[in-house]
Amino acid sequence: MKVTIEVPNKKDIDMVFGLVADFVKQKDRKVNESVFFTINNERSGVIRESHKGNISCRINP
């Protein structure tokens, strides 16, 4: 499994690690389906797992 993280601000990295860890713990996650989230009602992002098992997490600036 490979995890790709794209964040516009370095201070968000710890938070993203927590989001990805929670995503991996979910038993009902689906392959090739995006999960959208919002941070402090300001920024949004998405976590997605590919059919190969790779996970990507991107926070929009």
PDB file of N, CA and C in Angstrom:
ATOM      1  N   MET A   1       0.854  -1.174   0.000  1.00  0.00           N
ATOM      2  CA  MET A   1       0.000   0.000   0.000  1.00  0.00           C
ATOM      3  C   MET A   1       0.895   1.230   0.000  1.00  0.00           C
ATOM      4  N   LYS A   2       0.530   2.204  -0.813  1.00  0.00           N
ATOM      5  CA  LYS A   2       1.235   3.473  -0.873  1.00  0.00           C
ATOM      6  C   LYS A   2       0.253   4.571  -0.495  1.00  0.00           C
ATOM      7  N   VAL A   3       0.698   5.507   0.334  1.00  0.00           N
ATOM      8  CA  VAL A   3      -0.151   6.622   0.746  1.00  0.00           C
ATOM      9  C   VAL A   3       0.455   7.909   0.196  1.00  0.00           C
ATOM     10  N   THR A   4      -0.339   8.681  -0.554  1.00  0.00           N
ATOM     11  CA  THR A   4       0.086   9.954  -1.119  1.00  0.00           C
ATOM     12  C   THR A   4      -0.689  11.063  -0.424  1.00  0.00           C
ATOM     13  N   ILE A   5       0.034  12.055   0.093  1.00  0.00           N
ATOM     14  CA  ILE A   5      -0.594  13.159   0.822  1.00  0.00           C
ATOM     15  C   ILE A   5      -0.232  14.470   0.145  1.00  0.00           C
ATOM     16  N   GLU A   6      -1.242  15.278  -0.165  1.00  0.00           N
ATOM     17  CA  GLU A   6      -1.024  16.604  -0.736  1.00  0.00           C
ATOM     18  C   GLU A   6      -1.669  17.634   0.187  1.00  0.00           C
ATOM     19  N   VAL A   7      -0.847  18.444   0.836  1.00  0.00           N
ATOM     20  CA  VAL A   7      -1.357  19.480   1.732  1.00  0.00           C
ATOM     21  C   VAL A   7      -0.710  20.822   1.378  1.00  0.00           C
ATOM     22  N   PRO A   8      -1.472  21.914   1.410  1.00  0.00           N
ATOM     23  CA  PRO A   8      -0.916  23.217   1.081  1.00  0.00           C
ATOM     24  C   PRO A   8      -0.132  23.852   2.228  1.00  0.00           C
ATOM     25  N   ASN A   9      -0.294  23.336   3.437  1.00  0.00           N
ATOM     26  CA  ASN A   9       0.334  23.942   4.600  1.00  0.00           C
ATOM     27  C   ASN A   9       0.953  22.837   5.470  1.00  0.00           C
ATOM     28  N   LYS A  10       2.213  22.998   5.863  1.00  0.00           N
ATOM     29  CA  LYS A  10       2.912  21.971   6.647  1.00  0.00           C
ATOM     30  C   LYS A  10       2.232  21.666   7.970  1.00  0.00           C
ATOM     31  N   LYS A  11       1.560  22.649   8.556  1.00  0.00           N
ATOM     32  CA  LYS A  11       0.952  22.416   9.865  1.00  0.00           C
ATOM     33  C   LYS A  11      -0.224  21.445   9.802  1.00  0.00           C
ATOM     34  N   ASP A  12      -0.712  21.130   8.607  1.00  0.00           N
ATOM     35  CA  ASP A  12      -1.829  20.193   8.443  1.00  0.00           C
ATOM     36  C   ASP A  12      -1.388  18.737   8.354  1.00  0.00           C
ATOM     37  N   ILE A  13      -0.087  18.486   8.296  1.00  0.00           N
ATOM     38  CA  ILE A  13       0.388  17.122   8.069  1.00  0.00           C
ATOM     39  C   ILE A  13      -0.032  16.169   9.190  1.00  0.00           C
ATOM     40  N   ASP A  14       0.105  16.568  10.447  1.00  0.00           N
ATOM     41  CA  ASP A  14      -0.292  15.695  11.564  1.00  0.00           C
ATOM     42  C   ASP A  14      -1.776  15.368  11.515  1.00  0.00           C
ATOM     43  N   MET A  15      -2.597  16.361  11.181  1.00  0.00           N
ATOM     44  CA  MET A  15      -4.031  16.139  11.090  1.00  0.00           C
ATOM     45  C   MET A  15      -4.355  15.149   9.969  1.00  0.00           C
ATOM     46  N   VAL A  16      -3.655  15.265   8.849  1.00  0.00           N
ATOM     47  CA  VAL A  16      -3.897  14.375   7.716  1.00  0.00           C
ATOM     48  C   VAL A  16      -3.500  12.947   8.063  1.00  0.00           C
ATOM     49  N   PHE A  17      -2.418  12.768   8.816  1.00  0.00           N
ATOM     50  CA  PHE A  17      -2.048  11.420   9.248  1.00  0.00           C
ATOM     51  C   PHE A  17      -3.187  10.790  10.050  1.00  0.00           C
ATOM     52  N   GLY A  18      -3.806  11.571  10.918  1.00  0.00           N
ATOM     53  CA  GLY A  18      -4.945  11.076  11.694  1.00  0.00           C
ATOM     54  C   GLY A  18      -6.133  10.729  10.814  1.00  0.00           C
ATOM     55  N   LEU A  19      -6.418  11.567   9.819  1.00  0.00           N
ATOM     56  CA  LEU A  19      -7.524  11.300   8.896  1.00  0.00           C
ATOM     57  C   LEU A  19      -7.286  10.013   8.114  1.00  0.00           C
ATOM     58  N   VAL A  20      -6.067   9.832   7.624  1.00  0.00           N
ATOM     59  CA  VAL A  20      -5.751   8.625   6.857  1.00  0.00           C
ATOM     60  C   VAL A  20      -5.811   7.392   7.757  1.00  0.00           C
ATOM     61  N   ALA A  21      -5.320   7.495   8.983  1.00  0.00           N
ATOM     62  CA  ALA A  21      -5.379   6.360   9.913  1.00  0.00           C
ATOM     63  C   ALA A  21      -6.827   5.966  10.199  1.00  0.00           C
ATOM     64  N   ASP A  22      -7.698   6.946  10.407  1.00  0.00           N
ATOM     65  CA  ASP A  22      -9.117   6.654  10.628  1.00  0.00           C
ATOM     66  C   ASP A  22      -9.742   6.024   9.391  1.00  0.00           C
ATOM     67  N   PHE A  23      -9.355   6.500   8.217  1.00  0.00           N
ATOM     68  CA  PHE A  23      -9.885   5.951   6.964  1.00  0.00           C
ATOM     69  C   PHE A  23      -9.497   4.485   6.808  1.00  0.00           C
ATOM     70  N   VAL A  24      -8.243   4.169   7.131  1.00  0.00           N
ATOM     71  CA  VAL A  24      -7.768   2.790   6.992  1.00  0.00           C
ATOM     72  C   VAL A  24      -8.473   1.873   7.983  1.00  0.00           C
ATOM     73  N   LYS A  25      -8.836   2.368   9.159  1.00  0.00           N
ATOM     74  CA  LYS A  25      -9.513   1.559  10.175  1.00  0.00           C
ATOM     75  C   LYS A  25     -10.954   1.234   9.812  1.00  0.00           C
ATOM     76  N   GLN A  26     -11.554   2.010   8.901  1.00  0.00           N
ATOM     77  CA  GLN A  26     -12.951   1.769   8.526  1.00  0.00           C
ATOM     78  C   GLN A  26     -13.085   0.425   7.833  1.00  0.00           C
ATOM     79  N   LYS A  27     -14.051  -0.348   8.256  1.00  0.00           N
ATOM     80  CA  LYS A  27     -14.273  -1.660   7.669  1.00  0.00           C
ATOM     81  C   LYS A  27     -15.158  -1.580   6.422  1.00  0.00           C
ATOM     82  N   ASP A  28     -15.944  -0.508   6.298  1.00  0.00           N
ATOM     83  CA  ASP A  28     -16.904  -0.421   5.198  1.00  0.00           C
ATOM     84  C   ASP A  28     -16.452   0.493   4.065  1.00  0.00           C
ATOM     85  N   ARG A  29     -15.158   0.818   3.986  1.00  0.00           N
ATOM     86  CA  ARG A  29     -14.702   1.692   2.903  1.00  0.00           C
ATOM     87  C   ARG A  29     -14.745   0.942   1.580  1.00  0.00           C
ATOM     88  N   LYS A  30     -14.967   1.694   0.506  1.00  0.00           N
ATOM     89  CA  LYS A  30     -15.111   1.090  -0.809  1.00  0.00           C
ATOM     90  C   LYS A  30     -13.980   1.554  -1.715  1.00  0.00           C
ATOM     91  N   VAL A  31     -13.541   0.660  -2.567  1.00  0.00           N
ATOM     92  CA  VAL A  31     -12.462   0.947  -3.506  1.00  0.00           C
ATOM     93  C   VAL A  31     -12.966   1.894  -4.590  1.00  0.00           C
ATOM     94  N   ASN A  32     -12.118   2.822  -5.003  1.00  0.00           N
ATOM     95  CA  ASN A  32     -12.409   3.798  -6.059  1.00  0.00           C
ATOM     96  C   ASN A  32     -13.573   4.715  -5.720  1.00  0.00           C
ATOM     97  N   GLU A  33     -13.879   4.874  -4.457  1.00  0.00           N
ATOM     98  CA  GLU A  33     -14.937   5.790  -4.023  1.00  0.00           C
ATOM     99  C   GLU A  33     -14.311   6.852  -3.126  1.00  0.00           C
ATOM    100  N   SER A  34     -14.551   8.111  -3.447  1.00  0.00           N
ATOM    101  CA  SER A  34     -13.955   9.217  -2.709  1.00  0.00           C
ATOM    102  C   SER A  34     -14.753   9.544  -1.452  1.00  0.00           C
ATOM    103  N   VAL A  35     -14.034   9.910  -0.391  1.00  0.00           N
ATOM    104  CA  VAL A  35     -14.652  10.354   0.855  1.00  0.00           C
ATOM    105  C   VAL A  35     -14.268  11.817   1.036  1.00  0.00           C
ATOM    106  N   PHE A  36     -15.258  12.686   1.069  1.00  0.00           N
ATOM    107  CA  PHE A  36     -15.016  14.118   1.203  1.00  0.00           C
ATOM    108  C   PHE A  36     -15.101  14.532   2.668  1.00  0.00           C
ATOM    109  N   PHE A  37     -14.302  15.523   3.054  1.00  0.00           N
ATOM    110  CA  PHE A  37     -14.322  16.020   4.425  1.00  0.00           C
ATOM    111  C   PHE A  37     -14.098  17.520   4.422  1.00  0.00           C
ATOM    112  N   THR A  38     -14.475  18.174   5.539  1.00  0.00           N
ATOM    113  CA  THR A  38     -14.289  19.612   5.711  1.00  0.00           C
ATOM    114  C   THR A  38     -13.530  19.845   7.009  1.00  0.00           C
ATOM    115  N   ILE A  39     -12.584  20.788   6.982  1.00  0.00           N
ATOM    116  CA  ILE A  39     -11.759  21.106   8.146  1.00  0.00           C
ATOM    117  C   ILE A  39     -12.159  22.479   8.658  1.00  0.00           C
ATOM    118  N   ASN A  40     -12.664  22.526   9.887  1.00  0.00           N
ATOM    119  CA  ASN A  40     -13.021  23.791  10.547  1.00  0.00           C
ATOM    120  C   ASN A  40     -13.916  24.693   9.697  1.00  0.00           C
ATOM    121  N   ASN A  41     -14.783  24.123   8.910  1.00  0.00           N
ATOM    122  CA  ASN A  41     -15.704  24.876   8.042  1.00  0.00           C
ATOM    123  C   ASN A  41     -14.977  25.825   7.099  1.00  0.00           C
ATOM    124  N   GLU A  42     -13.703  25.579   6.821  1.00  0.00           N
ATOM    125  CA  GLU A  42     -12.928  26.462   5.950  1.00  0.00           C
ATOM    126  C   GLU A  42     -12.443  25.763   4.692  1.00  0.00           C
ATOM    127  N   ARG A  43     -11.740  24.682   4.881  1.00  0.00           N
ATOM    128  CA  ARG A  43     -11.145  23.982   3.747  1.00  0.00           C
ATOM    129  C   ARG A  43     -11.740  22.598   3.609  1.00  0.00           C
ATOM    130  N   SER A  44     -11.682  22.077   2.413  1.00  0.00           N
ATOM    131  CA  SER A  44     -12.218  20.742   2.168  1.00  0.00           C
ATOM    132  C   SER A  44     -11.117  19.858   1.602  1.00  0.00           C
ATOM    133  N   GLY A  45     -11.399  18.585   1.579  1.00  0.00           N
ATOM    134  CA  GLY A  45     -10.431  17.636   1.057  1.00  0.00           C
ATOM    135  C   GLY A  45     -11.108  16.331   0.682  1.00  0.00           C
ATOM    136  N   VAL A  46     -10.299  15.400   0.214  1.00  0.00           N
ATOM    137  CA  VAL A  46     -10.825  14.117  -0.227  1.00  0.00           C
ATOM    138  C   VAL A  46      -9.791  13.025   0.062  1.00  0.00           C
ATOM    139  N   ILE A  47     -10.299  11.848   0.450  1.00  0.00           N
ATOM    140  CA  ILE A  47      -9.472  10.648   0.617  1.00  0.00           C
ATOM    141  C   ILE A  47     -10.042   9.592  -0.313  1.00  0.00           C
ATOM    142  N   ARG A  48      -9.152   8.871  -0.992  1.00  0.00           N
ATOM    143  CA  ARG A  48      -9.606   7.889  -1.968  1.00  0.00           C
ATOM    144  C   ARG A  48      -8.669   6.687  -1.951  1.00  0.00           C
ATOM    145  N   GLU A  49      -9.236   5.497  -2.093  1.00  0.00           N
ATOM    146  CA  GLU A  49      -8.436   4.276  -2.195  1.00  0.00           C
ATOM    147  C   GLU A  49      -8.588   3.702  -3.597  1.00  0.00           C
ATOM    148  N   SER A  50      -7.474   3.418  -4.260  1.00  0.00           N
ATOM    149  CA  SER A  50      -7.526   2.869  -5.612  1.00  0.00           C
ATOM    150  C   SER A  50      -7.746   1.362  -5.566  1.00  0.00           C
ATOM    151  N   HIS A  51      -8.008   0.792  -6.733  1.00  0.00           N
ATOM    152  CA  HIS A  51      -8.227  -0.654  -6.793  1.00  0.00           C
ATOM    153  C   HIS A  51      -6.955  -1.438  -6.465  1.00  0.00           C
ATOM    154  N   LYS A  52      -5.781  -0.779  -6.528  1.00  0.00           N
ATOM    155  CA  LYS A  52      -4.514  -1.422  -6.161  1.00  0.00           C
ATOM    156  C   LYS A  52      -4.225  -1.323  -4.671  1.00  0.00           C
ATOM    157  N   GLY A  53      -5.056  -0.597  -3.936  1.00  0.00           N
ATOM    158  CA  GLY A  53      -4.870  -0.457  -2.492  1.00  0.00           C
ATOM    159  C   GLY A  53      -4.111   0.800  -2.092  1.00  0.00           C
ATOM    160  N   ASN A  54      -3.766   1.647  -3.055  1.00  0.00           N
ATOM    161  CA  ASN A  54      -3.084   2.895  -2.746  1.00  0.00           C
ATOM    162  C   ASN A  54      -4.080   3.937  -2.266  1.00  0.00           C
ATOM    163  N   ILE A  55      -3.682   4.741  -1.297  1.00  0.00           N
ATOM    164  CA  ILE A  55      -4.563   5.752  -0.719  1.00  0.00           C
ATOM    165  C   ILE A  55      -4.002   7.127  -1.011  1.00  0.00           C
ATOM    166  N   SER A  56      -4.860   8.038  -1.464  1.00  0.00           N
ATOM    167  CA  SER A  56      -4.438   9.423  -1.672  1.00  0.00           C
ATOM    168  C   SER A  56      -5.319  10.340  -0.843  1.00  0.00           C
ATOM    169  N   CYS A  57      -4.699  11.366  -0.285  1.00  0.00           N
ATOM    170  CA  CYS A  57      -5.408  12.349   0.524  1.00  0.00           C
ATOM    171  C   CYS A  57      -4.979  13.726   0.058  1.00  0.00           C
ATOM    172  N   ARG A  58      -5.953  14.559  -0.299  1.00  0.00           N
ATOM    173  CA  ARG A  58      -5.650  15.906  -0.792  1.00  0.00           C
ATOM    174  C   ARG A  58      -6.517  16.920  -0.058  1.00  0.00           C
ATOM    175  N   ILE A  59      -5.864  17.977   0.433  1.00  0.00           N
ATOM    176  CA  ILE A  59      -6.587  19.103   1.052  1.00  0.00           C
ATOM    177  C   ILE A  59      -6.517  20.265   0.087  1.00  0.00           C
ATOM    178  N   ASN A  60      -7.652  20.834  -0.212  1.00  0.00           N
ATOM    179  CA  ASN A  60      -7.705  21.988  -1.114  1.00  0.00           C
ATOM    180  C   ASN A  60      -7.284  23.256  -0.363  1.00  0.00           C
ATOM    181  N   PRO A  61      -6.526  24.134  -1.034  1.00  0.00           N
ATOM    182  CA  PRO A  61      -6.077  25.368  -0.359  1.00  0.00           C
ATOM    183  C   PRO A  61      -7.211  26.337  -0.092  1.00  0.00           C
TER     184      PRO A  61
END
